[in-house]
Amino acid sequence: MALFGFENGENLFLEEERWDARYRPLALSIQPFLVGKSADGPAQVHIDLGHARIAADGGEGVRPFDDFGQPTPYLEAVIASLDQLDQGYRESADFYSALGRYELFEPFSLDIDLRDGSKHRLVGYHLINEAKLRALEPGALAELHSAGYLMPIFMALASLANLSALIERKNRRLGHG
């Protein structure tokens, strides 16, 4: 999950029409493309034709298909990214099950006081309990490692350092930076 702001629809990483961050989440970078599935068929590439990144008639852009109707390298890269997202989504249930098995989740809420006096509260989130992670038996750590879960756990923990930078972005938007 990526947190972009503190209000519905807010994205503190957009400066006018420009993305202002070192990293762009994969789910955003592939837009306007989406993974679509029929009830019993394979995954399909869908496109949101109403998305702002779709050029209007006569607009410039990158062609998804060549003159022979074959996917261009651009579309092939999008498909690979969509597959990566879909695979991550399909594997997430097992990941969360492992976190639950070792009781590594803990509820999280955060009260944010901004420099203009406004207050925000983040509720309904969960974090990795670092103390429980450190106390895991070697066998449990080996299981998490062999399943490929340790790196996402560590990245989730490391991402918490970004909260203060997000708060600072909000303060700058409010003119208090």
N, C-alpha and C. Protein backbone atom coordinates (compact mmCIF):
# COMPACT_ATOMS: atom_id res chain seq x y z
N MET A 1 0.84 -1.17 0.00
CA MET A 1 0.00 0.00 0.00
C MET A 1 0.88 1.24 0.00
N ALA A 2 0.43 2.27 -0.65
CA ALA A 2 1.16 3.53 -0.67
C ALA A 2 0.23 4.63 -0.16
N LEU A 3 0.74 5.45 0.73
CA LEU A 3 -0.01 6.57 1.30
C LEU A 3 0.45 7.83 0.58
N PHE A 4 -0.50 8.52 -0.07
CA PHE A 4 -0.18 9.71 -0.86
C PHE A 4 -0.57 11.01 -0.18
N GLY A 5 -1.38 10.94 0.85
CA GLY A 5 -1.84 12.14 1.53
C GLY A 5 -2.70 11.76 2.72
N PHE A 6 -3.36 12.76 3.28
CA PHE A 6 -4.13 12.56 4.50
C PHE A 6 -5.62 12.80 4.30
N GLU A 7 -6.02 13.16 3.10
CA GLU A 7 -7.43 13.40 2.80
C GLU A 7 -7.81 12.56 1.58
N ASN A 8 -9.09 12.24 1.45
CA ASN A 8 -9.55 11.46 0.31
C ASN A 8 -9.15 12.14 -1.00
N GLY A 9 -8.53 11.36 -1.90
CA GLY A 9 -8.14 11.86 -3.21
C GLY A 9 -6.89 12.72 -3.22
N GLU A 10 -6.29 12.95 -2.08
CA GLU A 10 -5.10 13.82 -2.02
C GLU A 10 -3.86 13.05 -2.47
N ASN A 11 -3.04 13.70 -3.28
CA ASN A 11 -1.76 13.14 -3.70
C ASN A 11 -0.72 14.23 -3.54
N LEU A 12 0.04 14.15 -2.47
CA LEU A 12 1.06 15.14 -2.16
C LEU A 12 2.31 14.97 -3.01
N PHE A 13 2.32 13.96 -3.86
CA PHE A 13 3.47 13.73 -4.74
C PHE A 13 3.26 14.31 -6.13
N LEU A 14 2.11 14.89 -6.37
CA LEU A 14 1.85 15.57 -7.64
C LEU A 14 2.04 17.06 -7.44
N GLU A 15 2.94 17.63 -8.20
CA GLU A 15 3.15 19.07 -8.23
C GLU A 15 2.65 19.54 -9.58
N GLU A 16 1.46 20.13 -9.58
CA GLU A 16 0.73 20.45 -10.80
C GLU A 16 0.51 19.15 -11.56
N GLU A 17 1.13 18.96 -12.71
CA GLU A 17 0.95 17.71 -13.48
C GLU A 17 2.16 16.80 -13.39
N ARG A 18 3.14 17.16 -12.57
CA ARG A 18 4.43 16.44 -12.52
C ARG A 18 4.55 15.61 -11.26
N TRP A 19 5.03 14.38 -11.40
CA TRP A 19 5.30 13.50 -10.27
C TRP A 19 6.56 13.99 -9.57
N ASP A 20 6.49 14.19 -8.27
CA ASP A 20 7.60 14.75 -7.50
C ASP A 20 8.05 13.77 -6.41
N ALA A 21 8.72 12.72 -6.82
CA ALA A 21 9.26 11.76 -5.86
C ALA A 21 10.32 10.93 -6.58
N ARG A 22 11.19 10.32 -5.79
CA ARG A 22 12.25 9.49 -6.37
C ARG A 22 11.71 8.19 -6.93
N TYR A 23 10.56 7.77 -6.43
CA TYR A 23 10.00 6.48 -6.81
C TYR A 23 8.53 6.64 -7.17
N ARG A 24 8.11 5.91 -8.16
CA ARG A 24 6.69 5.91 -8.55
C ARG A 24 6.18 4.48 -8.41
N PRO A 25 5.18 4.27 -7.56
CA PRO A 25 4.67 2.91 -7.36
C PRO A 25 4.27 2.26 -8.68
N LEU A 26 4.53 0.97 -8.78
CA LEU A 26 4.26 0.24 -10.01
C LEU A 26 2.80 0.35 -10.43
N ALA A 27 1.88 0.31 -9.46
CA ALA A 27 0.46 0.39 -9.79
C ALA A 27 0.11 1.73 -10.45
N LEU A 28 0.85 2.78 -10.14
CA LEU A 28 0.63 4.07 -10.79
C LEU A 28 1.34 4.17 -12.13
N SER A 29 2.52 3.59 -12.21
CA SER A 29 3.31 3.76 -13.44
C SER A 29 2.69 3.06 -14.64
N ILE A 30 1.87 2.04 -14.42
CA ILE A 30 1.28 1.32 -15.55
C ILE A 30 -0.08 1.89 -15.96
N GLN A 31 -0.58 2.86 -15.22
CA GLN A 31 -1.87 3.44 -15.60
C GLN A 31 -1.75 4.12 -16.95
N PRO A 32 -2.72 3.99 -17.79
CA PRO A 32 -4.12 3.61 -17.63
C PRO A 32 -4.41 2.14 -17.89
N PHE A 33 -3.39 1.29 -17.86
CA PHE A 33 -3.60 -0.13 -18.11
C PHE A 33 -4.00 -0.83 -16.82
N LEU A 34 -4.84 -1.86 -16.95
CA LEU A 34 -5.35 -2.62 -15.81
C LEU A 34 -5.35 -4.09 -16.15
N VAL A 35 -5.35 -4.93 -15.11
CA VAL A 35 -5.52 -6.36 -15.31
C VAL A 35 -7.02 -6.63 -15.26
N GLY A 36 -7.52 -7.31 -16.27
CA GLY A 36 -8.92 -7.70 -16.31
C GLY A 36 -9.01 -9.20 -16.44
N LYS A 37 -10.05 -9.77 -15.85
CA LYS A 37 -10.23 -11.22 -15.93
C LYS A 37 -11.69 -11.53 -16.17
N SER A 38 -11.91 -12.52 -17.01
CA SER A 38 -13.27 -13.04 -17.15
C SER A 38 -13.44 -14.14 -16.11
N ALA A 39 -14.63 -14.64 -15.96
CA ALA A 39 -14.91 -15.63 -14.91
C ALA A 39 -14.03 -16.87 -15.03
N ASP A 40 -13.78 -17.33 -16.23
CA ASP A 40 -13.01 -18.57 -16.38
C ASP A 40 -11.84 -18.46 -17.35
N GLY A 41 -11.57 -17.28 -17.82
CA GLY A 41 -10.50 -17.11 -18.81
C GLY A 41 -9.22 -16.58 -18.19
N PRO A 42 -8.20 -16.45 -19.02
CA PRO A 42 -6.92 -15.92 -18.54
C PRO A 42 -7.00 -14.40 -18.30
N ALA A 43 -6.00 -13.89 -17.62
CA ALA A 43 -5.92 -12.45 -17.39
C ALA A 43 -5.79 -11.73 -18.73
N GLN A 44 -6.32 -10.53 -18.78
CA GLN A 44 -6.29 -9.74 -20.00
C GLN A 44 -5.79 -8.34 -19.66
N VAL A 45 -5.25 -7.66 -20.66
CA VAL A 45 -4.85 -6.27 -20.50
C VAL A 45 -6.05 -5.40 -20.88
N HIS A 46 -6.46 -4.55 -19.96
CA HIS A 46 -7.54 -3.60 -20.22
C HIS A 46 -6.96 -2.20 -20.16
N ILE A 47 -7.62 -1.27 -20.81
CA ILE A 47 -7.16 0.11 -20.81
C ILE A 47 -8.34 1.03 -20.50
N ASP A 48 -8.09 1.98 -19.66
CA ASP A 48 -9.08 2.99 -19.31
C ASP A 48 -8.96 4.12 -20.32
N LEU A 49 -9.83 4.13 -21.31
CA LEU A 49 -9.75 5.13 -22.38
C LEU A 49 -10.08 6.54 -21.90
N GLY A 50 -10.71 6.66 -20.75
CA GLY A 50 -11.02 7.97 -20.20
C GLY A 50 -9.93 8.53 -19.31
N HIS A 51 -8.85 7.80 -19.13
CA HIS A 51 -7.75 8.23 -18.27
C HIS A 51 -7.03 9.43 -18.87
N ALA A 52 -6.54 10.30 -18.01
CA ALA A 52 -5.86 11.53 -18.45
C ALA A 52 -4.60 11.25 -19.28
N ARG A 53 -4.02 10.07 -19.14
CA ARG A 53 -2.81 9.76 -19.89
C ARG A 53 -3.09 9.28 -21.31
N ILE A 54 -4.35 9.16 -21.68
CA ILE A 54 -4.72 8.75 -23.05
C ILE A 54 -4.85 10.02 -23.88
N ALA A 55 -4.13 10.07 -24.98
CA ALA A 55 -4.14 11.26 -25.84
C ALA A 55 -5.48 11.37 -26.57
N ALA A 56 -5.92 12.58 -26.70
CA ALA A 56 -7.14 12.85 -27.48
C ALA A 56 -6.79 12.72 -28.97
N ASP A 57 -7.78 12.79 -29.81
CA ASP A 57 -7.54 12.69 -31.26
C ASP A 57 -6.43 13.64 -31.68
N GLY A 58 -5.47 13.10 -32.40
CA GLY A 58 -4.37 13.91 -32.90
C GLY A 58 -3.28 14.15 -31.87
N GLY A 59 -3.46 13.63 -30.64
CA GLY A 59 -2.45 13.83 -29.60
C GLY A 59 -1.24 12.95 -29.82
N GLU A 60 -0.20 13.26 -29.10
CA GLU A 60 1.03 12.48 -29.21
C GLU A 60 1.04 11.39 -28.16
N GLY A 61 1.81 10.36 -28.40
CA GLY A 61 1.91 9.29 -27.43
C GLY A 61 2.72 8.14 -27.97
N VAL A 62 2.70 7.04 -27.23
CA VAL A 62 3.43 5.84 -27.61
C VAL A 62 2.41 4.82 -28.10
N ARG A 63 2.70 4.24 -29.25
CA ARG A 63 1.79 3.25 -29.82
C ARG A 63 1.90 1.93 -29.06
N PRO A 64 0.77 1.33 -28.69
CA PRO A 64 0.83 0.02 -28.04
C PRO A 64 1.02 -1.12 -29.04
N PHE A 65 0.62 -0.91 -30.29
CA PHE A 65 0.74 -1.96 -31.31
C PHE A 65 1.49 -1.42 -32.52
N ASP A 66 2.23 -2.31 -33.18
CA ASP A 66 2.94 -1.89 -34.39
C ASP A 66 2.01 -1.98 -35.60
N ASP A 67 2.55 -1.75 -36.78
CA ASP A 67 1.73 -1.74 -38.00
C ASP A 67 1.13 -3.10 -38.33
N PHE A 68 1.65 -4.17 -37.72
CA PHE A 68 1.15 -5.52 -37.97
C PHE A 68 0.22 -6.00 -36.86
N GLY A 69 -0.12 -5.09 -35.92
CA GLY A 69 -1.02 -5.44 -34.82
C GLY A 69 -0.36 -6.18 -33.68
N GLN A 70 0.98 -6.22 -33.70
CA GLN A 70 1.72 -6.89 -32.63
C GLN A 70 2.07 -5.89 -31.52
N PRO A 71 2.16 -6.37 -30.27
CA PRO A 71 2.53 -5.45 -29.18
C PRO A 71 3.91 -4.85 -29.40
N THR A 72 4.02 -3.56 -29.13
CA THR A 72 5.32 -2.88 -29.19
C THR A 72 6.10 -3.20 -27.92
N PRO A 73 7.40 -2.93 -27.91
CA PRO A 73 8.18 -3.13 -26.68
C PRO A 73 7.56 -2.37 -25.48
N TYR A 74 6.97 -1.21 -25.75
CA TYR A 74 6.30 -0.46 -24.68
C TYR A 74 5.18 -1.29 -24.07
N LEU A 75 4.30 -1.83 -24.90
CA LEU A 75 3.18 -2.63 -24.39
C LEU A 75 3.68 -3.91 -23.74
N GLU A 76 4.71 -4.50 -24.27
CA GLU A 76 5.28 -5.70 -23.65
C GLU A 76 5.79 -5.39 -22.24
N ALA A 77 6.40 -4.22 -22.05
CA ALA A 77 6.87 -3.82 -20.72
C ALA A 77 5.68 -3.59 -19.78
N VAL A 78 4.62 -2.99 -20.31
CA VAL A 78 3.41 -2.79 -19.50
C VAL A 78 2.82 -4.14 -19.09
N ILE A 79 2.76 -5.07 -20.01
CA ILE A 79 2.22 -6.40 -19.72
C ILE A 79 3.05 -7.09 -18.63
N ALA A 80 4.37 -6.98 -18.72
CA ALA A 80 5.24 -7.57 -17.70
C ALA A 80 4.97 -6.93 -16.33
N SER A 81 4.77 -5.62 -16.30
CA SER A 81 4.47 -4.93 -15.04
C SER A 81 3.10 -5.34 -14.50
N LEU A 82 2.11 -5.45 -15.38
CA LEU A 82 0.79 -5.92 -14.95
C LEU A 82 0.87 -7.33 -14.38
N ASP A 83 1.66 -8.17 -15.01
CA ASP A 83 1.83 -9.54 -14.52
C ASP A 83 2.47 -9.54 -13.14
N GLN A 84 3.46 -8.67 -12.95
CA GLN A 84 4.13 -8.57 -11.65
C GLN A 84 3.13 -8.13 -10.57
N LEU A 85 2.31 -7.13 -10.88
CA LEU A 85 1.29 -6.68 -9.92
C LEU A 85 0.27 -7.78 -9.63
N ASP A 86 -0.19 -8.45 -10.66
CA ASP A 86 -1.18 -9.50 -10.48
C ASP A 86 -0.61 -10.65 -9.66
N GLN A 87 0.61 -11.03 -9.94
CA GLN A 87 1.25 -12.11 -9.19
C GLN A 87 1.39 -11.71 -7.72
N GLY A 88 1.79 -10.49 -7.46
CA GLY A 88 1.90 -10.01 -6.08
C GLY A 88 0.56 -10.03 -5.36
N TYR A 89 -0.49 -9.64 -6.08
CA TYR A 89 -1.83 -9.66 -5.49
C TYR A 89 -2.24 -11.10 -5.16
N ARG A 90 -1.99 -12.02 -6.09
CA ARG A 90 -2.37 -13.41 -5.86
C ARG A 90 -1.59 -14.03 -4.70
N GLU A 91 -0.35 -13.60 -4.49
CA GLU A 91 0.47 -14.16 -3.42
C GLU A 91 0.26 -13.46 -2.08
N SER A 92 -0.45 -12.36 -2.07
CA SER A 92 -0.58 -11.58 -0.84
C SER A 92 -1.33 -12.31 0.26
N ALA A 93 -2.30 -13.14 -0.07
CA ALA A 93 -3.05 -13.87 0.96
C ALA A 93 -2.12 -14.77 1.77
N ASP A 94 -1.19 -15.45 1.11
CA ASP A 94 -0.24 -16.30 1.83
C ASP A 94 0.70 -15.46 2.70
N PHE A 95 1.10 -14.31 2.18
CA PHE A 95 1.98 -13.41 2.94
C PHE A 95 1.28 -12.95 4.22
N TYR A 96 0.04 -12.47 4.08
CA TYR A 96 -0.69 -12.00 5.25
C TYR A 96 -1.00 -13.14 6.22
N SER A 97 -1.22 -14.32 5.69
CA SER A 97 -1.44 -15.49 6.55
C SER A 97 -0.20 -15.78 7.39
N ALA A 98 0.98 -15.69 6.77
CA ALA A 98 2.23 -15.92 7.51
C ALA A 98 2.42 -14.85 8.59
N LEU A 99 2.11 -13.60 8.26
CA LEU A 99 2.22 -12.54 9.27
C LEU A 99 1.27 -12.81 10.43
N GLY A 100 0.07 -13.27 10.12
CA GLY A 100 -0.90 -13.59 11.16
C GLY A 100 -0.47 -14.79 11.99
N ARG A 101 0.09 -15.79 11.35
CA ARG A 101 0.52 -17.00 12.04
C ARG A 101 1.56 -16.67 13.12
N TYR A 102 2.42 -15.72 12.84
CA TYR A 102 3.45 -15.33 13.81
C TYR A 102 3.07 -14.07 14.59
N GLU A 103 1.82 -13.67 14.46
CA GLU A 103 1.28 -12.50 15.20
C GLU A 103 2.16 -11.27 15.02
N LEU A 104 2.56 -11.03 13.78
CA LEU A 104 3.45 -9.90 13.49
C LEU A 104 2.70 -8.61 13.19
N PHE A 105 1.40 -8.69 12.95
CA PHE A 105 0.60 -7.48 12.71
C PHE A 105 0.20 -6.84 14.02
N GLU A 106 0.20 -5.52 14.03
CA GLU A 106 -0.38 -4.80 15.16
C GLU A 106 -1.12 -3.59 14.62
N PRO A 107 -2.25 -3.25 15.24
CA PRO A 107 -3.01 -2.07 14.79
C PRO A 107 -2.17 -0.81 14.95
N PHE A 108 -2.43 0.13 14.06
CA PHE A 108 -1.66 1.37 14.06
C PHE A 108 -2.60 2.54 13.82
N SER A 109 -2.43 3.57 14.61
CA SER A 109 -3.11 4.84 14.34
C SER A 109 -2.10 5.95 14.63
N LEU A 110 -2.27 7.05 13.94
CA LEU A 110 -1.34 8.16 14.08
C LEU A 110 -2.10 9.47 14.06
N ASP A 111 -1.88 10.28 15.08
CA ASP A 111 -2.45 11.62 15.13
C ASP A 111 -1.41 12.59 14.57
N ILE A 112 -1.83 13.40 13.63
CA ILE A 112 -0.93 14.34 12.96
C ILE A 112 -1.42 15.76 13.22
N ASP A 113 -0.56 16.55 13.82
CA ASP A 113 -0.85 17.97 14.04
C ASP A 113 -0.02 18.76 13.04
N LEU A 114 -0.70 19.45 12.13
CA LEU A 114 0.00 20.23 11.12
C LEU A 114 0.25 21.64 11.62
N ARG A 115 1.17 22.31 10.96
CA ARG A 115 1.59 23.65 11.42
C ARG A 115 0.49 24.70 11.32
N ASP A 116 -0.53 24.45 10.49
CA ASP A 116 -1.64 25.41 10.40
C ASP A 116 -2.69 25.18 11.48
N GLY A 117 -2.43 24.21 12.35
CA GLY A 117 -3.36 23.91 13.44
C GLY A 117 -4.34 22.80 13.12
N SER A 118 -4.42 22.37 11.87
CA SER A 118 -5.33 21.28 11.54
C SER A 118 -4.78 19.95 12.05
N LYS A 119 -5.69 19.03 12.23
CA LYS A 119 -5.32 17.71 12.75
C LYS A 119 -5.86 16.64 11.81
N HIS A 120 -5.10 15.59 11.69
CA HIS A 120 -5.51 14.42 10.91
C HIS A 120 -5.22 13.18 11.73
N ARG A 121 -6.00 12.15 11.50
CA ARG A 121 -5.78 10.89 12.20
C ARG A 121 -5.80 9.76 11.19
N LEU A 122 -4.76 8.98 11.19
CA LEU A 122 -4.71 7.77 10.37
C LEU A 122 -5.17 6.62 11.26
N VAL A 123 -6.22 5.95 10.86
CA VAL A 123 -6.74 4.81 11.62
C VAL A 123 -7.05 3.67 10.67
N GLY A 124 -7.10 2.47 11.23
CA GLY A 124 -7.44 1.30 10.43
C GLY A 124 -6.26 0.67 9.71
N TYR A 125 -5.07 1.08 10.06
CA TYR A 125 -3.87 0.52 9.44
C TYR A 125 -3.22 -0.48 10.39
N HIS A 126 -2.32 -1.27 9.85
CA HIS A 126 -1.56 -2.22 10.65
C HIS A 126 -0.08 -2.09 10.29
N LEU A 127 0.75 -2.38 11.27
CA LEU A 127 2.20 -2.36 11.10
C LEU A 127 2.77 -3.72 11.48
N ILE A 128 4.02 -3.91 11.14
CA ILE A 128 4.76 -5.08 11.59
C ILE A 128 5.25 -4.78 13.00
N ASN A 129 5.03 -5.70 13.93
CA ASN A 129 5.50 -5.55 15.29
C ASN A 129 6.98 -5.94 15.32
N GLU A 130 7.84 -4.94 15.43
CA GLU A 130 9.29 -5.18 15.36
C GLU A 130 9.79 -6.06 16.49
N ALA A 131 9.25 -5.87 17.69
CA ALA A 131 9.70 -6.68 18.83
C ALA A 131 9.39 -8.16 18.60
N LYS A 132 8.19 -8.45 18.09
CA LYS A 132 7.84 -9.85 17.80
C LYS A 132 8.67 -10.40 16.66
N LEU A 133 8.98 -9.58 15.68
CA LEU A 133 9.83 -10.02 14.58
C LEU A 133 11.23 -10.38 15.10
N ARG A 134 11.79 -9.53 15.94
CA ARG A 134 13.12 -9.81 16.51
C ARG A 134 13.12 -11.06 17.37
N ALA A 135 11.99 -11.38 18.01
CA ALA A 135 11.91 -12.51 18.93
C ALA A 135 11.58 -13.83 18.23
N LEU A 136 11.36 -13.81 16.94
CA LEU A 136 11.02 -15.04 16.24
C LEU A 136 12.14 -16.07 16.35
N GLU A 137 11.74 -17.32 16.45
CA GLU A 137 12.69 -18.43 16.47
C GLU A 137 13.36 -18.56 15.09
N PRO A 138 14.57 -19.10 15.07
CA PRO A 138 15.27 -19.25 13.78
C PRO A 138 14.47 -20.01 12.72
N GLY A 139 13.71 -21.02 13.14
CA GLY A 139 12.92 -21.78 12.18
C GLY A 139 11.84 -20.93 11.52
N ALA A 140 11.24 -20.05 12.31
CA ALA A 140 10.20 -19.16 11.77
C ALA A 140 10.82 -18.17 10.79
N LEU A 141 11.98 -17.63 11.16
CA LEU A 141 12.68 -16.71 10.25
C LEU A 141 13.07 -17.42 8.96
N ALA A 142 13.53 -18.66 9.09
CA ALA A 142 13.90 -19.43 7.89
C ALA A 142 12.69 -19.65 7.00
N GLU A 143 11.53 -19.94 7.61
CA GLU A 143 10.32 -20.13 6.81
C GLU A 143 9.93 -18.85 6.09
N LEU A 144 9.96 -17.72 6.80
CA LEU A 144 9.63 -16.44 6.19
C LEU A 144 10.62 -16.10 5.07
N HIS A 145 11.89 -16.41 5.32
CA HIS A 145 12.91 -16.14 4.30
C HIS A 145 12.70 -17.01 3.06
N SER A 146 12.48 -18.31 3.26
CA SER A 146 12.35 -19.21 2.11
C SER A 146 11.09 -18.90 1.30
N ALA A 147 10.09 -18.33 1.94
CA ALA A 147 8.87 -17.94 1.22
C ALA A 147 9.03 -16.59 0.53
N GLY A 148 10.14 -15.90 0.77
CA GLY A 148 10.37 -14.60 0.14
C GLY A 148 9.69 -13.45 0.88
N TYR A 149 9.37 -13.65 2.16
CA TYR A 149 8.62 -12.65 2.91
C TYR A 149 9.47 -11.70 3.73
N LEU A 150 10.71 -12.05 4.01
CA LEU A 150 11.52 -11.16 4.86
C LEU A 150 11.77 -9.81 4.22
N MET A 151 12.11 -9.79 2.95
CA MET A 151 12.39 -8.50 2.31
C MET A 151 11.16 -7.59 2.31
N PRO A 152 9.97 -8.07 1.94
CA PRO A 152 8.79 -7.19 2.04
C PRO A 152 8.54 -6.72 3.48
N ILE A 153 8.79 -7.57 4.45
CA ILE A 153 8.63 -7.16 5.85
C ILE A 153 9.58 -6.03 6.17
N PHE A 154 10.85 -6.19 5.81
CA PHE A 154 11.84 -5.15 6.11
C PHE A 154 11.55 -3.86 5.34
N MET A 155 11.08 -3.99 4.11
CA MET A 155 10.74 -2.79 3.33
C MET A 155 9.55 -2.06 3.95
N ALA A 156 8.56 -2.82 4.44
CA ALA A 156 7.41 -2.20 5.11
C ALA A 156 7.87 -1.44 6.35
N LEU A 157 8.78 -2.03 7.10
CA LEU A 157 9.30 -1.34 8.29
C LEU A 157 10.08 -0.09 7.89
N ALA A 158 10.90 -0.21 6.88
CA ALA A 158 11.72 0.94 6.44
C ALA A 158 10.85 2.06 5.88
N SER A 159 9.72 1.72 5.29
CA SER A 159 8.87 2.73 4.67
C SER A 159 8.26 3.69 5.69
N LEU A 160 8.23 3.29 6.94
CA LEU A 160 7.66 4.17 7.98
C LEU A 160 8.44 5.46 8.11
N ALA A 161 9.70 5.44 7.72
CA ALA A 161 10.52 6.66 7.77
C ALA A 161 9.98 7.72 6.82
N ASN A 162 9.16 7.32 5.85
CA ASN A 162 8.60 8.26 4.88
C ASN A 162 7.44 9.08 5.44
N LEU A 163 6.88 8.67 6.57
CA LEU A 163 5.74 9.41 7.13
C LEU A 163 6.09 10.85 7.46
N SER A 164 7.26 11.06 8.07
CA SER A 164 7.63 12.44 8.42
C SER A 164 7.81 13.29 7.18
N ALA A 165 8.34 12.72 6.10
CA ALA A 165 8.49 13.46 4.85
C ALA A 165 7.12 13.78 4.24
N LEU A 166 6.16 12.87 4.37
CA LEU A 166 4.82 13.13 3.86
C LEU A 166 4.14 14.25 4.66
N ILE A 167 4.34 14.25 5.95
CA ILE A 167 3.80 15.32 6.79
C ILE A 167 4.43 16.65 6.39
N GLU A 168 5.71 16.65 6.12
CA GLU A 168 6.39 17.88 5.70
C GLU A 168 5.85 18.37 4.35
N ARG A 169 5.57 17.46 3.42
CA ARG A 169 4.97 17.83 2.14
C ARG A 169 3.62 18.52 2.37
N LYS A 170 2.84 17.96 3.28
CA LYS A 170 1.52 18.54 3.57
C LYS A 170 1.68 19.95 4.15
N ASN A 171 2.62 20.12 5.08
CA ASN A 171 2.86 21.43 5.65
C ASN A 171 3.28 22.45 4.59
N ARG A 172 4.12 22.02 3.65
CA ARG A 172 4.53 22.94 2.56
C ARG A 172 3.34 23.32 1.70
N ARG A 173 2.45 22.37 1.41
CA ARG A 173 1.26 22.68 0.63
C ARG A 173 0.37 23.70 1.34
N LEU A 174 0.38 23.62 2.64
CA LEU A 174 -0.44 24.55 3.43
C LEU A 174 0.24 25.90 3.61
N GLY A 175 1.48 26.00 3.08
CA GLY A 175 2.21 27.26 3.20
C GLY A 175 2.94 27.41 4.51
N HIS A 176 3.20 26.29 5.15
CA HIS A 176 3.87 26.35 6.44
C HIS A 176 5.14 25.52 6.42
N GLY A 177 5.87 25.54 5.31
CA GLY A 177 7.05 24.70 5.20
C GLY A 177 8.28 25.49 5.26
